[in-house]
Amino acid sequence: ARLRAAGEAAVARHLAQQVGRRHRVLTESPVMGRTEHFAEVQFDAPQPEGQIVEATITGFRGQNLFV
C-alpha cells in the first residue's frame, strides 16, 4: 500500500508539472490523446483523430491532463 501511494504521489507531481506547458499530442479520438510521454490528455473541443496537435495543458485530475 505504501509503494502504491508513493507511485500515485509521483504521478501527481509529474502531471502537476505539466500544467502551463505545451505538448505535442497524438490524438487517439476527437476528445482524447497522449503526450510523447504517454500521459493521457482530454481535449475541451474535438480534434482531428490520428493527428499530432500542439496543446497547452491547463490542468489535471486523477491521471488525466486537460486542455
N, C-alpha and C. Protein backbone atom coordinates (compact mmCIF):
# COMPACT_ATOMS: atom_id res chain seq x y z
N ALA A 1 0.83 -1.19 0.00
CA ALA A 1 0.00 0.00 0.00
C ALA A 1 0.88 1.26 0.00
N ARG A 2 1.98 1.21 0.76
CA ARG A 2 2.87 2.39 0.79
C ARG A 2 3.52 2.61 -0.57
N LEU A 3 3.91 1.55 -1.23
CA LEU A 3 4.53 1.67 -2.55
C LEU A 3 3.53 2.22 -3.56
N ARG A 4 2.30 1.74 -3.51
CA ARG A 4 1.25 2.23 -4.41
C ARG A 4 1.00 3.72 -4.16
N ALA A 5 0.93 4.12 -2.89
CA ALA A 5 0.71 5.52 -2.55
C ALA A 5 1.86 6.40 -3.03
N ALA A 6 3.09 5.90 -2.89
CA ALA A 6 4.25 6.66 -3.36
C ALA A 6 4.22 6.81 -4.87
N GLY A 7 3.82 5.76 -5.58
CA GLY A 7 3.71 5.83 -7.04
C GLY A 7 2.65 6.82 -7.47
N GLU A 8 1.51 6.81 -6.81
CA GLU A 8 0.43 7.76 -7.14
C GLU A 8 0.87 9.19 -6.88
N ALA A 9 1.61 9.41 -5.80
CA ALA A 9 2.11 10.76 -5.50
C ALA A 9 3.11 11.21 -6.56
N ALA A 10 3.96 10.31 -7.02
CA ALA A 10 4.93 10.66 -8.07
C ALA A 10 4.23 11.02 -9.37
N VAL A 11 3.19 10.27 -9.73
CA VAL A 11 2.43 10.58 -10.94
C VAL A 11 1.76 11.94 -10.80
N ALA A 12 1.16 12.21 -9.64
CA ALA A 12 0.50 13.51 -9.42
C ALA A 12 1.50 14.66 -9.54
N ARG A 13 2.71 14.50 -9.00
CA ARG A 13 3.73 15.55 -9.12
C ARG A 13 4.11 15.76 -10.58
N HIS A 14 4.29 14.67 -11.30
CA HIS A 14 4.65 14.78 -12.73
C HIS A 14 3.55 15.51 -13.50
N LEU A 15 2.30 15.13 -13.30
CA LEU A 15 1.20 15.77 -14.01
C LEU A 15 1.07 17.24 -13.64
N ALA A 16 1.25 17.56 -12.37
CA ALA A 16 1.17 18.96 -11.93
C ALA A 16 2.24 19.80 -12.61
N GLN A 17 3.40 19.23 -12.86
CA GLN A 17 4.48 19.95 -13.53
C GLN A 17 4.18 20.24 -15.00
N GLN A 18 3.20 19.54 -15.58
CA GLN A 18 2.87 19.72 -16.99
C GLN A 18 1.93 20.90 -17.22
N VAL A 19 1.25 21.35 -16.18
CA VAL A 19 0.29 22.45 -16.31
C VAL A 19 1.01 23.71 -16.78
N GLY A 20 0.50 24.32 -17.85
CA GLY A 20 1.09 25.50 -18.44
C GLY A 20 2.09 25.20 -19.55
N ARG A 21 2.47 23.97 -19.70
CA ARG A 21 3.43 23.59 -20.74
C ARG A 21 2.71 23.19 -22.03
N ARG A 22 3.42 23.41 -23.14
CA ARG A 22 2.91 22.97 -24.44
C ARG A 22 3.46 21.59 -24.74
N HIS A 23 2.59 20.75 -25.28
CA HIS A 23 2.98 19.39 -25.63
C HIS A 23 2.47 19.06 -27.03
N ARG A 24 3.20 18.18 -27.68
CA ARG A 24 2.71 17.57 -28.91
C ARG A 24 1.88 16.38 -28.47
N VAL A 25 0.65 16.32 -28.94
CA VAL A 25 -0.28 15.28 -28.50
C VAL A 25 -0.78 14.51 -29.72
N LEU A 26 -0.64 13.20 -29.69
CA LEU A 26 -1.20 12.34 -30.73
C LEU A 26 -2.64 12.05 -30.37
N THR A 27 -3.57 12.45 -31.23
CA THR A 27 -4.98 12.26 -30.94
C THR A 27 -5.39 10.82 -31.24
N GLU A 28 -6.00 10.16 -30.25
CA GLU A 28 -6.49 8.80 -30.42
C GLU A 28 -7.99 8.79 -30.70
N SER A 29 -8.66 9.86 -30.31
CA SER A 29 -10.07 10.06 -30.61
C SER A 29 -10.27 11.57 -30.67
N PRO A 30 -11.43 12.05 -31.07
CA PRO A 30 -11.63 13.50 -31.14
C PRO A 30 -11.47 14.23 -29.80
N VAL A 31 -11.63 13.51 -28.69
CA VAL A 31 -11.57 14.18 -27.38
C VAL A 31 -10.44 13.67 -26.48
N MET A 32 -9.58 12.75 -26.99
CA MET A 32 -8.51 12.19 -26.16
C MET A 32 -7.27 11.93 -26.99
N GLY A 33 -6.11 12.17 -26.35
CA GLY A 33 -4.84 11.87 -26.99
C GLY A 33 -3.80 11.58 -25.94
N ARG A 34 -2.54 11.41 -26.39
CA ARG A 34 -1.44 11.13 -25.47
C ARG A 34 -0.23 11.97 -25.83
N THR A 35 0.47 12.43 -24.79
CA THR A 35 1.69 13.19 -25.00
C THR A 35 2.80 12.24 -25.44
N GLU A 36 3.96 12.80 -25.74
CA GLU A 36 5.11 11.98 -26.11
C GLU A 36 5.56 11.08 -24.96
N HIS A 37 5.13 11.41 -23.73
CA HIS A 37 5.47 10.60 -22.56
C HIS A 37 4.29 9.72 -22.14
N PHE A 38 3.32 9.56 -23.04
CA PHE A 38 2.17 8.67 -22.87
C PHE A 38 1.15 9.14 -21.84
N ALA A 39 1.24 10.38 -21.37
CA ALA A 39 0.22 10.90 -20.46
C ALA A 39 -1.06 11.14 -21.26
N GLU A 40 -2.19 10.73 -20.70
CA GLU A 40 -3.47 10.90 -21.38
C GLU A 40 -3.94 12.35 -21.26
N VAL A 41 -4.41 12.90 -22.39
CA VAL A 41 -4.88 14.28 -22.46
C VAL A 41 -6.34 14.28 -22.90
N GLN A 42 -7.18 15.01 -22.18
CA GLN A 42 -8.58 15.20 -22.55
C GLN A 42 -8.71 16.59 -23.17
N PHE A 43 -9.30 16.67 -24.37
CA PHE A 43 -9.48 17.95 -25.05
C PHE A 43 -10.83 18.56 -24.71
N ASP A 44 -10.88 19.89 -24.68
CA ASP A 44 -12.14 20.58 -24.41
C ASP A 44 -12.96 20.80 -25.68
N ALA A 45 -12.35 20.53 -26.83
CA ALA A 45 -13.04 20.64 -28.12
C ALA A 45 -12.53 19.51 -29.01
N PRO A 46 -13.37 18.99 -29.90
CA PRO A 46 -12.95 17.88 -30.77
C PRO A 46 -11.71 18.24 -31.61
N GLN A 47 -10.84 17.26 -31.75
CA GLN A 47 -9.61 17.40 -32.54
C GLN A 47 -9.63 16.36 -33.65
N PRO A 48 -8.87 16.59 -34.72
CA PRO A 48 -8.81 15.59 -35.79
C PRO A 48 -8.12 14.30 -35.30
N GLU A 49 -8.78 13.20 -35.45
CA GLU A 49 -8.27 11.91 -34.97
C GLU A 49 -7.04 11.48 -35.77
N GLY A 50 -6.05 10.92 -35.07
CA GLY A 50 -4.85 10.41 -35.72
C GLY A 50 -3.85 11.47 -36.12
N GLN A 51 -3.96 12.66 -35.57
CA GLN A 51 -3.06 13.77 -35.89
C GLN A 51 -2.22 14.13 -34.67
N ILE A 52 -1.13 14.81 -34.90
CA ILE A 52 -0.34 15.36 -33.81
C ILE A 52 -0.68 16.84 -33.72
N VAL A 53 -1.18 17.25 -32.55
CA VAL A 53 -1.56 18.65 -32.35
C VAL A 53 -0.74 19.23 -31.21
N GLU A 54 -0.50 20.54 -31.27
CA GLU A 54 0.17 21.27 -30.19
C GLU A 54 -0.91 21.70 -29.21
N ALA A 55 -0.68 21.47 -27.92
CA ALA A 55 -1.68 21.81 -26.92
C ALA A 55 -1.01 22.30 -25.65
N THR A 56 -1.61 23.31 -25.02
CA THR A 56 -1.14 23.79 -23.73
C THR A 56 -1.99 23.15 -22.65
N ILE A 57 -1.35 22.51 -21.71
CA ILE A 57 -2.04 21.81 -20.63
C ILE A 57 -2.56 22.85 -19.64
N THR A 58 -3.85 22.74 -19.31
CA THR A 58 -4.46 23.71 -18.40
C THR A 58 -4.73 23.14 -17.01
N GLY A 59 -4.67 21.83 -16.87
CA GLY A 59 -4.91 21.22 -15.56
C GLY A 59 -4.85 19.72 -15.63
N PHE A 60 -5.12 19.09 -14.49
CA PHE A 60 -5.15 17.62 -14.45
C PHE A 60 -6.09 17.17 -13.35
N ARG A 61 -6.58 15.95 -13.51
CA ARG A 61 -7.41 15.31 -12.49
C ARG A 61 -7.15 13.82 -12.58
N GLY A 62 -6.87 13.21 -11.44
CA GLY A 62 -6.53 11.79 -11.46
C GLY A 62 -5.26 11.61 -12.26
N GLN A 63 -5.32 10.80 -13.31
CA GLN A 63 -4.16 10.57 -14.15
C GLN A 63 -4.34 11.16 -15.54
N ASN A 64 -5.25 12.12 -15.69
CA ASN A 64 -5.51 12.74 -16.99
C ASN A 64 -5.14 14.21 -16.97
N LEU A 65 -4.50 14.64 -18.06
CA LEU A 65 -4.24 16.05 -18.29
C LEU A 65 -5.41 16.63 -19.06
N PHE A 66 -5.62 17.94 -18.93
CA PHE A 66 -6.70 18.62 -19.64
C PHE A 66 -6.17 19.79 -20.43
N VAL A 67 -6.82 20.06 -21.56
CA VAL A 67 -6.50 21.19 -22.43
C VAL A 67 -7.69 22.12 -22.41
